[in-house]
Amino acid sequence: MPIVPHSSYRAPWWLPGGHAQTIVPALARLVPPVTRHPERIELTDGDFLDLEWLRNGNKRLVILCHGLEASTRAPYIQGMARALANRGWDALAWNYRSCGGQLNRLPRFYHSGATTDLAAVVSHALDTHPAETVDLVGFSLGGNLVLKYLGELGTGAVGRIGRAAAFSVPCDLACSSSALDRPLNRAIYMRRFLVSLAGKVREKHRQFPERIDPAGLRGIRNFHDFDERYTAPLHGFRDARDYWTRSSSKPFIPAIRVPTLLVNAANDPFLGAACHPRAEAANHPHFHFEMPACGGHVGFPGPPAAESWPERRAADFLGGRPPPA
């Protein structure tokens, strides 16, 4: 312990396999926006972040972190905000740089290890909300940010962060990039991400024609190519491998000092074996790892209901309910 030995998640019999359990919830679930109060905060480097609040006057606050090329309006973000608000939390969702509908100002974007932006959001929340501590929930890339941030803080998180939950996290970026480069995954998922990212590179070129060259988009087939050509040089990394090594959250897990839950499904098509940190969880006093047999990537489909399984699971954990024996 605290490897969670028995997950409560059960996939519906009529939706087998990691791909179906990933794709169907992403396409079928619609959640009306509940974080309706926008706010823009200015960052010390001259850029900005766009936030959205759900304020009901509660004393508890959760900060929600979305996945790659998503936004605060993702159904899993709005569903989690609604579920936790129904249980006594206020919610703050935030858009990463370039994800809020307006391109950011600087010749950079967001990336998997950009925890300084999460730190700015946490500091702003604690300065402006009555909560004494905040809870964190992250999905996919957002979960990597949460785990890395908590590991970087170490004991500094105590008294600042209450609890955290993360779902479908590529905590070893090299492993996840390799998994997504498999032929079927490249056709289903990689192409969609690269098209979206390429559009932002072209927009950045119009902002900074001397700094960003869209010609480099030719021949990009996978995340290694994109991170080598754009992510690494724009964000101060030597190359793609350096970016993956320094931004992966897995090496930071041993330093986590607040109660934290990671849920990665065994059949998640975005993840390989190194993204299931069993060794890091074994005998860790604060980090709980749960690996359901099914669920896909940020999927976890179930019978039609107002709340999804991740929403109930996060609410239980953040509320202090112990994991199943």
C-alpha atoms as a PDB file:
ATOM      1  CA  MET A   1       0.000   0.000   0.000  1.00  0.00           C
ATOM      2  CA  PRO A   2      -0.962   2.543  -1.055  1.00  0.00           C
ATOM      3  CA  ILE A   3      -1.376   0.703  -4.342  1.00  0.00           C
ATOM      4  CA  VAL A   4      -5.167   0.438  -4.482  1.00  0.00           C
ATOM      5  CA  PRO A   5      -5.665  -3.320  -4.945  1.00  0.00           C
ATOM      6  CA  HIS A   6      -9.283  -3.358  -6.101  1.00  0.00           C
ATOM      7  CA  SER A   7     -10.675  -0.608  -8.292  1.00  0.00           C
ATOM      8  CA  SER A   8     -14.409   0.038  -8.169  1.00  0.00           C
ATOM      9  CA  TYR A   9     -14.571   0.852 -11.896  1.00  0.00           C
ATOM     10  CA  ARG A  10     -16.335  -1.635 -14.169  1.00  0.00           C
ATOM     11  CA  ALA A  11     -16.667  -0.977 -17.891  1.00  0.00           C
ATOM     12  CA  PRO A  12     -20.033  -1.638 -19.568  1.00  0.00           C
ATOM     13  CA  TRP A  13     -20.092  -5.005 -21.312  1.00  0.00           C
ATOM     14  CA  TRP A  14     -21.323  -3.441 -24.543  1.00  0.00           C
ATOM     15  CA  LEU A  15     -18.306  -1.122 -24.881  1.00  0.00           C
ATOM     16  CA  PRO A  16     -15.203  -3.305 -24.854  1.00  0.00           C
ATOM     17  CA  GLY A  17     -11.628  -2.196 -25.431  1.00  0.00           C
ATOM     18  CA  GLY A  18      -9.522   0.840 -24.688  1.00  0.00           C
ATOM     19  CA  HIS A  19     -10.220   2.616 -27.965  1.00  0.00           C
ATOM     20  CA  ALA A  20     -14.011   2.438 -27.661  1.00  0.00           C
ATOM     21  CA  GLN A  21     -13.813   3.419 -23.987  1.00  0.00           C
ATOM     22  CA  THR A  22     -11.737   6.456 -24.980  1.00  0.00           C
ATOM     23  CA  ILE A  23     -13.615   7.642 -28.046  1.00  0.00           C
ATOM     24  CA  VAL A  24     -17.288   7.092 -27.182  1.00  0.00           C
ATOM     25  CA  PRO A  25     -17.318   9.181 -23.954  1.00  0.00           C
ATOM     26  CA  ALA A  26     -15.380  11.957 -25.702  1.00  0.00           C
ATOM     27  CA  LEU A  27     -17.965  12.150 -28.471  1.00  0.00           C
ATOM     28  CA  ALA A  28     -21.161  11.300 -26.619  1.00  0.00           C
ATOM     29  CA  ARG A  29     -20.994  13.155 -23.319  1.00  0.00           C
ATOM     30  CA  LEU A  30     -22.290  16.712 -23.199  1.00  0.00           C
ATOM     31  CA  VAL A  31     -22.113  18.777 -20.007  1.00  0.00           C
ATOM     32  CA  PRO A  32     -23.555  22.309 -19.854  1.00  0.00           C
ATOM     33  CA  PRO A  33     -20.926  24.841 -18.723  1.00  0.00           C
ATOM     34  CA  VAL A  34     -20.994  25.537 -14.992  1.00  0.00           C
ATOM     35  CA  THR A  35     -17.778  27.595 -14.693  1.00  0.00           C
ATOM     36  CA  ARG A  36     -19.413  30.732 -16.041  1.00  0.00           C
ATOM     37  CA  HIS A  37     -17.413  33.549 -14.453  1.00  0.00           C
ATOM     38  CA  PRO A  38     -14.270  34.407 -16.487  1.00  0.00           C
ATOM     39  CA  GLU A  39     -11.164  36.106 -15.196  1.00  0.00           C
ATOM     40  CA  ARG A  40      -7.854  36.919 -16.857  1.00  0.00           C
ATOM     41  CA  ILE A  41      -4.694  37.038 -14.774  1.00  0.00           C
ATOM     42  CA  GLU A  42      -1.451  38.648 -15.886  1.00  0.00           C
ATOM     43  CA  LEU A  43       1.777  36.690 -15.496  1.00  0.00           C
ATOM     44  CA  THR A  44       5.155  38.070 -14.487  1.00  0.00           C
ATOM     45  CA  ASP A  45       6.636  37.260 -17.908  1.00  0.00           C
ATOM     46  CA  GLY A  46       4.082  39.485 -19.692  1.00  0.00           C
ATOM     47  CA  ASP A  47       1.693  36.753 -20.767  1.00  0.00           C
ATOM     48  CA  PHE A  48      -1.762  35.915 -19.403  1.00  0.00           C
ATOM     49  CA  LEU A  49      -3.986  33.003 -18.374  1.00  0.00           C
ATOM     50  CA  ASP A  50      -7.764  32.828 -18.748  1.00  0.00           C
ATOM     51  CA  LEU A  51      -9.630  31.302 -15.803  1.00  0.00           C
ATOM     52  CA  GLU A  52     -13.251  30.342 -15.220  1.00  0.00           C
ATOM     53  CA  TRP A  53     -14.875  30.200 -11.786  1.00  0.00           C
ATOM     54  CA  LEU A  54     -17.830  28.448 -10.244  1.00  0.00           C
ATOM     55  CA  ARG A  55     -18.419  30.314  -6.986  1.00  0.00           C
ATOM     56  CA  ASN A  56     -21.154  29.233  -4.581  1.00  0.00           C
ATOM     57  CA  GLY A  57     -19.654  30.723  -1.428  1.00  0.00           C
ATOM     58  CA  ASN A  58     -18.072  27.427  -0.328  1.00  0.00           C
ATOM     59  CA  LYS A  59     -14.983  27.276   1.866  1.00  0.00           C
ATOM     60  CA  ARG A  60     -13.390  24.484  -0.184  1.00  0.00           C
ATOM     61  CA  LEU A  61     -11.892  25.103  -3.616  1.00  0.00           C
ATOM     62  CA  VAL A  62     -10.733  22.716  -6.352  1.00  0.00           C
ATOM     63  CA  ILE A  63      -8.540  23.715  -9.298  1.00  0.00           C
ATOM     64  CA  LEU A  64      -9.141  21.708 -12.494  1.00  0.00           C
ATOM     65  CA  CYS A  65      -6.446  21.073 -15.135  1.00  0.00           C
ATOM     66  CA  HIS A  66      -7.394  19.889 -18.639  1.00  0.00           C
ATOM     67  CA  GLY A  67      -5.562  17.725 -21.161  1.00  0.00           C
ATOM     68  CA  LEU A  68      -3.576  18.337 -24.346  1.00  0.00           C
ATOM     69  CA  GLU A  69      -5.263  20.754 -26.766  1.00  0.00           C
ATOM     70  CA  ALA A  70      -8.429  20.830 -24.646  1.00  0.00           C
ATOM     71  CA  SER A  71      -9.846  23.713 -22.630  1.00  0.00           C
ATOM     72  CA  THR A  72     -11.960  24.536 -19.609  1.00  0.00           C
ATOM     73  CA  ARG A  73     -15.050  23.615 -21.648  1.00  0.00           C
ATOM     74  CA  ALA A  74     -14.085  19.940 -21.967  1.00  0.00           C
ATOM     75  CA  PRO A  75     -16.970  17.779 -20.667  1.00  0.00           C
ATOM     76  CA  TYR A  76     -14.693  16.053 -18.141  1.00  0.00           C
ATOM     77  CA  ILE A  77     -13.727  19.454 -16.684  1.00  0.00           C
ATOM     78  CA  GLN A  78     -17.278  20.786 -16.514  1.00  0.00           C
ATOM     79  CA  GLY A  79     -18.596  17.481 -15.180  1.00  0.00           C
ATOM     80  CA  MET A  80     -15.981  17.411 -12.422  1.00  0.00           C
ATOM     81  CA  ALA A  81     -16.714  21.045 -11.517  1.00  0.00           C
ATOM     82  CA  ARG A  82     -20.437  20.280 -11.268  1.00  0.00           C
ATOM     83  CA  ALA A  83     -19.970  17.090  -9.243  1.00  0.00           C
ATOM     84  CA  LEU A  84     -17.649  18.722  -6.706  1.00  0.00           C
ATOM     85  CA  ALA A  85     -19.792  21.859  -6.473  1.00  0.00           C
ATOM     86  CA  ASN A  86     -22.724  19.628  -5.568  1.00  0.00           C
ATOM     87  CA  ARG A  87     -20.631  18.349  -2.658  1.00  0.00           C
ATOM     88  CA  GLY A  88     -19.495  21.679  -1.247  1.00  0.00           C
ATOM     89  CA  TRP A  89     -16.551  22.854  -3.365  1.00  0.00           C
ATOM     90  CA  ASP A  90     -16.137  25.985  -5.414  1.00  0.00           C
ATOM     91  CA  ALA A  91     -14.307  25.260  -8.660  1.00  0.00           C
ATOM     92  CA  LEU A  92     -11.660  27.065 -10.700  1.00  0.00           C
ATOM     93  CA  ALA A  93     -10.843  25.798 -14.200  1.00  0.00           C
ATOM     94  CA  TRP A  94      -8.010  27.328 -16.188  1.00  0.00           C
ATOM     95  CA  ASN A  95      -6.946  27.416 -19.815  1.00  0.00           C
ATOM     96  CA  TYR A  96      -3.302  26.858 -20.632  1.00  0.00           C
ATOM     97  CA  ARG A  97      -1.526  29.406 -22.818  1.00  0.00           C
ATOM     98  CA  SER A  98      -3.177  29.368 -26.288  1.00  0.00           C
ATOM     99  CA  CYS A  99      -6.069  27.124 -25.153  1.00  0.00           C
ATOM    100  CA  GLY A 100      -8.656  29.738 -24.139  1.00  0.00           C
ATOM    101  CA  GLY A 101      -9.707  30.887 -27.591  1.00  0.00           C
ATOM    102  CA  GLN A 102      -7.089  33.636 -27.903  1.00  0.00           C
ATOM    103  CA  LEU A 103      -3.453  33.074 -28.758  1.00  0.00           C
ATOM    104  CA  ASN A 104      -1.069  34.015 -25.985  1.00  0.00           C
ATOM    105  CA  ARG A 105       1.339  36.922 -26.348  1.00  0.00           C
ATOM    106  CA  LEU A 106       4.775  35.329 -26.181  1.00  0.00           C
ATOM    107  CA  PRO A 107       6.695  33.109 -28.630  1.00  0.00           C
ATOM    108  CA  ARG A 108       5.918  30.040 -26.546  1.00  0.00           C
ATOM    109  CA  PHE A 109       2.951  27.815 -25.692  1.00  0.00           C
ATOM    110  CA  TYR A 110       2.158  25.512 -22.797  1.00  0.00           C
ATOM    111  CA  HIS A 111       3.786  22.118 -22.303  1.00  0.00           C
ATOM    112  CA  SER A 112       3.605  19.027 -20.091  1.00  0.00           C
ATOM    113  CA  GLY A 113       6.038  20.344 -17.503  1.00  0.00           C
ATOM    114  CA  ALA A 114       4.958  24.002 -17.290  1.00  0.00           C
ATOM    115  CA  THR A 115       4.223  23.965 -13.570  1.00  0.00           C
ATOM    116  CA  THR A 116       5.059  27.654 -13.110  1.00  0.00           C
ATOM    117  CA  ASP A 117       1.700  28.461 -14.689  1.00  0.00           C
ATOM    118  CA  LEU A 118      -0.114  26.090 -12.343  1.00  0.00           C
ATOM    119  CA  ALA A 119       1.776  27.676  -9.435  1.00  0.00           C
ATOM    120  CA  ALA A 120       0.562  31.114 -10.555  1.00  0.00           C
ATOM    121  CA  VAL A 121      -3.043  29.881 -10.642  1.00  0.00           C
ATOM    122  CA  VAL A 122      -2.752  28.313  -7.182  1.00  0.00           C
ATOM    123  CA  SER A 123      -1.246  31.489  -5.727  1.00  0.00           C
ATOM    124  CA  HIS A 124      -3.971  33.635  -7.289  1.00  0.00           C
ATOM    125  CA  ALA A 125      -6.671  31.315  -5.985  1.00  0.00           C
ATOM    126  CA  LEU A 126      -5.322  31.345  -2.439  1.00  0.00           C
ATOM    127  CA  ASP A 127      -5.032  35.150  -2.562  1.00  0.00           C
ATOM    128  CA  THR A 128      -8.603  35.710  -3.771  1.00  0.00           C
ATOM    129  CA  HIS A 129     -10.698  32.829  -2.381  1.00  0.00           C
ATOM    130  CA  PRO A 130     -11.505  32.171   1.299  1.00  0.00           C
ATOM    131  CA  ALA A 131     -10.224  28.574   1.111  1.00  0.00           C
ATOM    132  CA  GLU A 132      -7.164  28.017   3.291  1.00  0.00           C
ATOM    133  CA  THR A 133      -5.934  25.229   1.018  1.00  0.00           C
ATOM    134  CA  VAL A 134      -6.891  24.142  -2.497  1.00  0.00           C
ATOM    135  CA  ASP A 135      -7.474  20.688  -3.940  1.00  0.00           C
ATOM    136  CA  LEU A 136      -6.242  19.761  -7.413  1.00  0.00           C
ATOM    137  CA  VAL A 137      -7.680  17.529 -10.139  1.00  0.00           C
ATOM    138  CA  GLY A 138      -5.883  16.923 -13.433  1.00  0.00           C
ATOM    139  CA  PHE A 139      -6.562  14.917 -16.560  1.00  0.00           C
ATOM    140  CA  SER A 140      -3.889  13.542 -18.909  1.00  0.00           C
ATOM    141  CA  LEU A 141      -1.356  16.361 -19.483  1.00  0.00           C
ATOM    142  CA  GLY A 142      -3.078  18.286 -16.679  1.00  0.00           C
ATOM    143  CA  GLY A 143      -2.531  15.335 -14.368  1.00  0.00           C
ATOM    144  CA  ASN A 144       1.164  15.352 -15.246  1.00  0.00           C
ATOM    145  CA  LEU A 145       1.282  19.028 -14.271  1.00  0.00           C
ATOM    146  CA  VAL A 146      -0.422  18.273 -10.953  1.00  0.00           C
ATOM    147  CA  LEU A 147       1.909  15.406 -10.010  1.00  0.00           C
ATOM    148  CA  LYS A 148       5.064  17.250 -11.066  1.00  0.00           C
ATOM    149  CA  TYR A 149       3.981  20.409  -9.224  1.00  0.00           C
ATOM    150  CA  LEU A 150       3.311  18.487  -6.017  1.00  0.00           C
ATOM    151  CA  GLY A 151       6.654  16.718  -6.250  1.00  0.00           C
ATOM    152  CA  GLU A 152       8.467  19.984  -6.840  1.00  0.00           C
ATOM    153  CA  LEU A 153       6.792  21.515  -3.785  1.00  0.00           C
ATOM    154  CA  GLY A 154       7.490  18.521  -1.552  1.00  0.00           C
ATOM    155  CA  THR A 155       6.808  19.511   2.044  1.00  0.00           C
ATOM    156  CA  GLY A 156       6.016  23.024   0.792  1.00  0.00           C
ATOM    157  CA  ALA A 157       2.638  21.705  -0.396  1.00  0.00           C
ATOM    158  CA  VAL A 158       1.547  20.949   3.162  1.00  0.00           C
ATOM    159  CA  GLY A 159      -0.823  23.677   4.328  1.00  0.00           C
ATOM    160  CA  ARG A 160      -1.185  24.936   0.763  1.00  0.00           C
ATOM    161  CA  ILE A 161      -2.597  21.932  -1.104  1.00  0.00           C
ATOM    162  CA  GLY A 162      -5.177  19.731   0.584  1.00  0.00           C
ATOM    163  CA  ARG A 163      -5.557  16.677  -1.669  1.00  0.00           C
ATOM    164  CA  ALA A 164      -5.114  15.872  -5.350  1.00  0.00           C
ATOM    165  CA  ALA A 165      -6.477  13.410  -7.899  1.00  0.00           C
ATOM    166  CA  ALA A 166      -5.206  12.728 -11.420  1.00  0.00           C
ATOM    167  CA  PHE A 167      -6.609  10.570 -14.200  1.00  0.00           C
ATOM    168  CA  SER A 168      -5.039   9.028 -17.328  1.00  0.00           C
ATOM    169  CA  VAL A 169      -1.632  10.617 -16.810  1.00  0.00           C
ATOM    170  CA  PRO A 170       1.329  10.136 -19.193  1.00  0.00           C
ATOM    171  CA  CYS A 171       3.719  10.360 -16.264  1.00  0.00           C
ATOM    172  CA  ASP A 172       6.555   8.999 -18.435  1.00  0.00           C
ATOM    173  CA  LEU A 173       6.419  11.175 -21.551  1.00  0.00           C
ATOM    174  CA  ALA A 174       8.850   9.098 -23.593  1.00  0.00           C
ATOM    175  CA  CYS A 175       6.764   5.988 -22.919  1.00  0.00           C
ATOM    176  CA  SER A 176       3.508   7.740 -23.801  1.00  0.00           C
ATOM    177  CA  SER A 177       4.971   9.243 -26.974  1.00  0.00           C
ATOM    178  CA  SER A 178       6.094   5.785 -28.033  1.00  0.00           C
ATOM    179  CA  ALA A 179       2.643   4.321 -27.297  1.00  0.00           C
ATOM    180  CA  LEU A 180       0.941   7.015 -29.370  1.00  0.00           C
ATOM    181  CA  ASP A 181       3.325   6.362 -32.248  1.00  0.00           C
ATOM    182  CA  ARG A 182       1.939   2.869 -32.794  1.00  0.00           C
ATOM    183  CA  PRO A 183       0.299   2.756 -36.236  1.00  0.00           C
ATOM    184  CA  LEU A 184      -3.313   2.537 -35.046  1.00  0.00           C
ATOM    185  CA  ASN A 185      -2.838   5.177 -32.353  1.00  0.00           C
ATOM    186  CA  ARG A 186      -1.077   7.443 -34.820  1.00  0.00           C
ATOM    187  CA  ALA A 187      -4.035   7.209 -37.171  1.00  0.00           C
ATOM    188  CA  ILE A 188      -6.724   7.684 -34.507  1.00  0.00           C
ATOM    189  CA  TYR A 189      -5.189  10.163 -32.047  1.00  0.00           C
ATOM    190  CA  MET A 190      -1.776  11.492 -33.094  1.00  0.00           C
ATOM    191  CA  ARG A 191      -2.984  12.995 -36.356  1.00  0.00           C
ATOM    192  CA  ARG A 192      -5.713  14.968 -34.582  1.00  0.00           C
ATOM    193  CA  PHE A 193      -3.289  16.419 -32.021  1.00  0.00           C
ATOM    194  CA  LEU A 194      -0.695  17.319 -34.641  1.00  0.00           C
ATOM    195  CA  VAL A 195      -3.231  19.098 -36.855  1.00  0.00           C
ATOM    196  CA  SER A 196      -4.335  21.236 -33.895  1.00  0.00           C
ATOM    197  CA  LEU A 197      -0.769  21.988 -32.794  1.00  0.00           C
ATOM    198  CA  ALA A 198       0.295  22.799 -36.345  1.00  0.00           C
ATOM    199  CA  GLY A 199      -2.471  25.388 -36.598  1.00  0.00           C
ATOM    200  CA  LYS A 200      -1.094  27.133 -33.532  1.00  0.00           C
ATOM    201  CA  VAL A 201       2.430  27.093 -34.947  1.00  0.00           C
ATOM    202  CA  ARG A 202       1.162  28.856 -38.065  1.00  0.00           C
ATOM    203  CA  GLU A 203      -0.603  31.455 -35.926  1.00  0.00           C
ATOM    204  CA  LYS A 204       2.578  31.969 -33.917  1.00  0.00           C
ATOM    205  CA  HIS A 205       4.517  32.462 -37.132  1.00  0.00           C
ATOM    206  CA  ARG A 206       2.233  35.382 -37.973  1.00  0.00           C
ATOM    207  CA  GLN A 207       2.985  36.858 -34.539  1.00  0.00           C
ATOM    208  CA  PHE A 208       6.724  36.147 -34.628  1.00  0.00           C
ATOM    209  CA  PRO A 209       7.812  35.554 -38.242  1.00  0.00           C
ATOM    210  CA  GLU A 210      11.505  35.779 -37.335  1.00  0.00           C
ATOM    211  CA  ARG A 211      11.271  33.330 -34.448  1.00  0.00           C
ATOM    212  CA  ILE A 212       8.942  30.560 -35.621  1.00  0.00           C
ATOM    213  CA  ASP A 213       9.228  28.846 -38.996  1.00  0.00           C
ATOM    214  CA  PRO A 214       6.164  26.854 -40.125  1.00  0.00           C
ATOM    215  CA  ALA A 215       8.275  25.124 -42.775  1.00  0.00           C
ATOM    216  CA  GLY A 216       9.399  22.834 -39.990  1.00  0.00           C
ATOM    217  CA  LEU A 217       5.920  21.318 -39.947  1.00  0.00           C
ATOM    218  CA  ARG A 218       6.677  19.437 -43.158  1.00  0.00           C
ATOM    219  CA  GLY A 219       7.437  15.816 -42.436  1.00  0.00           C
ATOM    220  CA  ILE A 220       6.297  15.845 -38.777  1.00  0.00           C
ATOM    221  CA  ARG A 221       4.753  12.444 -38.086  1.00  0.00           C
ATOM    222  CA  ASN A 222       4.727  12.108 -34.305  1.00  0.00           C
ATOM    223  CA  PHE A 223       5.307  13.868 -30.990  1.00  0.00           C
ATOM    224  CA  HIS A 224       9.050  13.305 -31.147  1.00  0.00           C
ATOM    225  CA  ASP A 225       9.211  15.269 -34.403  1.00  0.00           C
ATOM    226  CA  PHE A 226       7.006  18.076 -33.074  1.00  0.00           C
ATOM    227  CA  ASP A 227       8.729  18.323 -29.694  1.00  0.00           C
ATOM    228  CA  GLU A 228      12.173  18.238 -31.340  1.00  0.00           C
ATOM    229  CA  ARG A 229      11.280  20.995 -33.801  1.00  0.00           C
ATOM    230  CA  TYR A 230       9.035  23.260 -31.672  1.00  0.00           C
ATOM    231  CA  THR A 231       8.354  22.328 -28.025  1.00  0.00           C
ATOM    232  CA  ALA A 232      11.971  21.921 -26.966  1.00  0.00           C
ATOM    233  CA  PRO A 233      13.541  25.048 -28.534  1.00  0.00           C
ATOM    234  CA  LEU A 234      10.599  27.318 -27.674  1.00  0.00           C
ATOM    235  CA  HIS A 235      10.688  26.327 -23.996  1.00  0.00           C
ATOM    236  CA  GLY A 236      14.385  26.032 -23.210  1.00  0.00           C
ATOM    237  CA  PHE A 237      14.996  22.312 -23.644  1.00  0.00           C
ATOM    238  CA  ARG A 238      17.932  20.819 -25.527  1.00  0.00           C
ATOM    239  CA  ASP A 239      15.816  18.422 -27.594  1.00  0.00           C
ATOM    240  CA  ALA A 240      12.713  16.212 -27.349  1.00  0.00           C
ATOM    241  CA  ARG A 241      14.397  13.699 -25.056  1.00  0.00           C
ATOM    242  CA  ASP A 242      15.541  16.437 -22.712  1.00  0.00           C
ATOM    243  CA  TYR A 243      12.000  17.847 -22.650  1.00  0.00           C
ATOM    244  CA  TRP A 244      10.461  14.444 -21.914  1.00  0.00           C
ATOM    245  CA  THR A 245      13.018  13.655 -19.200  1.00  0.00           C
ATOM    246  CA  ARG A 246      12.697  16.968 -17.376  1.00  0.00           C
ATOM    247  CA  SER A 247       8.913  17.291 -17.742  1.00  0.00           C
ATOM    248  CA  SER A 248       7.758  13.781 -16.852  1.00  0.00           C
ATOM    249  CA  SER A 249       6.075  13.675 -13.463  1.00  0.00           C
ATOM    250  CA  LYS A 250       7.100  10.118 -12.565  1.00  0.00           C
ATOM    251  CA  PRO A 251      10.508  11.063 -11.069  1.00  0.00           C
ATOM    252  CA  PHE A 252       8.755  13.643  -8.856  1.00  0.00           C
ATOM    253  CA  ILE A 253       6.284  11.190  -7.300  1.00  0.00           C
ATOM    254  CA  PRO A 254       8.558  10.102  -4.419  1.00  0.00           C
ATOM    255  CA  ALA A 255       8.671  13.717  -3.156  1.00  0.00           C
ATOM    256  CA  ILE A 256       4.874  14.156  -2.964  1.00  0.00           C
ATOM    257  CA  ARG A 257       3.811  14.961   0.601  1.00  0.00           C
ATOM    258  CA  VAL A 258       0.035  15.467   0.397  1.00  0.00           C
ATOM    259  CA  PRO A 259      -2.620  12.765  -0.205  1.00  0.00           C
ATOM    260  CA  THR A 260      -2.667  12.145  -3.957  1.00  0.00           C
ATOM    261  CA  LEU A 261      -4.523   9.637  -6.127  1.00  0.00           C
ATOM    262  CA  LEU A 262      -3.475   8.584  -9.639  1.00  0.00           C
ATOM    263  CA  VAL A 263      -5.891   6.480 -11.724  1.00  0.00           C
ATOM    264  CA  ASN A 264      -4.480   5.035 -14.963  1.00  0.00           C
ATOM    265  CA  ALA A 265      -6.472   2.341 -16.754  1.00  0.00           C
ATOM    266  CA  ALA A 266      -4.543  -0.768 -17.812  1.00  0.00           C
ATOM    267  CA  ASN A 267      -6.027  -0.536 -21.326  1.00  0.00           C
ATOM    268  CA  ASP A 268      -5.328   3.185 -21.849  1.00  0.00           C
ATOM    269  CA  PRO A 269      -4.068   3.408 -25.453  1.00  0.00           C
ATOM    270  CA  PHE A 270      -2.049   6.544 -24.647  1.00  0.00           C
ATOM    271  CA  LEU A 271       0.061   4.813 -21.990  1.00  0.00           C
ATOM    272  CA  GLY A 272       2.720   2.117 -21.869  1.00  0.00           C
ATOM    273  CA  ALA A 273       4.027   0.060 -18.964  1.00  0.00           C
ATOM    274  CA  ALA A 274       6.293   2.821 -17.634  1.00  0.00           C
ATOM    275  CA  CYS A 275       3.224   5.068 -17.151  1.00  0.00           C
ATOM    276  CA  HIS A 276       1.917   2.764 -14.399  1.00  0.00           C
ATOM    277  CA  PRO A 277       4.063   3.769 -11.399  1.00  0.00           C
ATOM    278  CA  ARG A 278       3.515   0.763  -9.153  1.00  0.00           C
ATOM    279  CA  ALA A 279       7.017   0.820  -7.687  1.00  0.00           C
ATOM    280  CA  GLU A 280       6.696   4.509  -6.803  1.00  0.00           C
ATOM    281  CA  ALA A 281       3.378   3.858  -5.044  1.00  0.00           C
ATOM    282  CA  ALA A 282       4.517   0.819  -3.079  1.00  0.00           C
ATOM    283  CA  ASN A 283       4.987   1.871   0.562  1.00  0.00           C
ATOM    284  CA  HIS A 284       4.543   5.560  -0.322  1.00  0.00           C
ATOM    285  CA  PRO A 285       2.700   7.200   2.596  1.00  0.00           C
ATOM    286  CA  HIS A 286       0.862   9.767   0.454  1.00  0.00           C
ATOM    287  CA  PHE A 287       0.679   8.615  -3.179  1.00  0.00           C
ATOM    288  CA  HIS A 288      -2.113   6.183  -4.091  1.00  0.00           C
ATOM    289  CA  PHE A 289      -2.044   4.396  -7.457  1.00  0.00           C
ATOM    290  CA  GLU A 290      -5.185   2.752  -8.859  1.00  0.00           C
ATOM    291  CA  MET A 291      -5.138   0.759 -12.099  1.00  0.00           C
ATOM    292  CA  PRO A 292      -8.587  -0.382 -13.267  1.00  0.00           C
ATOM    293  CA  ALA A 293      -8.485  -3.113 -15.900  1.00  0.00           C
ATOM    294  CA  CYS A 294     -10.561  -0.943 -18.248  1.00  0.00           C
ATOM    295  CA  GLY A 295     -11.463   2.692 -18.842  1.00  0.00           C
ATOM    296  CA  GLY A 296      -9.434   3.880 -21.806  1.00  0.00           C
ATOM    297  CA  HIS A 297      -7.977   7.395 -21.791  1.00  0.00           C
ATOM    298  CA  VAL A 298     -10.043   9.956 -19.852  1.00  0.00           C
ATOM    299  CA  GLY A 299     -13.007   7.716 -20.682  1.00  0.00           C
ATOM    300  CA  PHE A 300     -14.314   5.455 -17.917  1.00  0.00           C
ATOM    301  CA  PRO A 301     -17.762   5.131 -19.514  1.00  0.00           C
ATOM    302  CA  GLY A 302     -20.713   3.888 -17.516  1.00  0.00           C
ATOM    303  CA  PRO A 303     -24.469   3.781 -17.520  1.00  0.00           C
ATOM    304  CA  PRO A 304     -26.192   7.082 -18.297  1.00  0.00           C
ATOM    305  CA  ALA A 305     -25.955   9.188 -15.153  1.00  0.00           C
ATOM    306  CA  ALA A 306     -25.474  12.756 -14.067  1.00  0.00           C
ATOM    307  CA  GLU A 307     -22.020  11.926 -12.738  1.00  0.00           C
ATOM    308  CA  SER A 308     -19.202   9.852 -14.206  1.00  0.00           C
ATOM    309  CA  TRP A 309     -17.107   7.348 -12.303  1.00  0.00           C
ATOM    310  CA  PRO A 310     -14.034   9.680 -12.161  1.00  0.00           C
ATOM    311  CA  GLU A 311     -16.222  12.404 -10.683  1.00  0.00           C
ATOM    312  CA  ARG A 312     -17.464  10.119  -7.915  1.00  0.00           C
ATOM    313  CA  ARG A 313     -13.986   8.695  -7.353  1.00  0.00           C
ATOM    314  CA  ALA A 314     -12.372  12.127  -7.096  1.00  0.00           C
ATOM    315  CA  ALA A 315     -15.102  13.384  -4.777  1.00  0.00           C
ATOM    316  CA  ASP A 316     -14.599  10.422  -2.450  1.00  0.00           C
ATOM    317  CA  PHE A 317     -10.821  10.832  -2.372  1.00  0.00           C
ATOM    318  CA  LEU A 318     -10.765  14.594  -2.019  1.00  0.00           C
ATOM    319  CA  GLY A 319     -13.381  14.307   0.700  1.00  0.00           C
ATOM    320  CA  GLY A 320     -11.089  12.045   2.672  1.00  0.00           C
ATOM    321  CA  ARG A 321     -12.871   8.724   2.158  1.00  0.00           C
ATOM    322  CA  PRO A 322     -10.276   5.909   2.268  1.00  0.00           C
ATOM    323  CA  PRO A 323      -9.646   3.891  -0.925  1.00  0.00           C
ATOM    324  CA  PRO A 324     -11.267   0.433  -1.204  1.00  0.00           C
ATOM    325  CA  ALA A 325      -9.483  -2.434   0.508  1.00  0.00           C
END
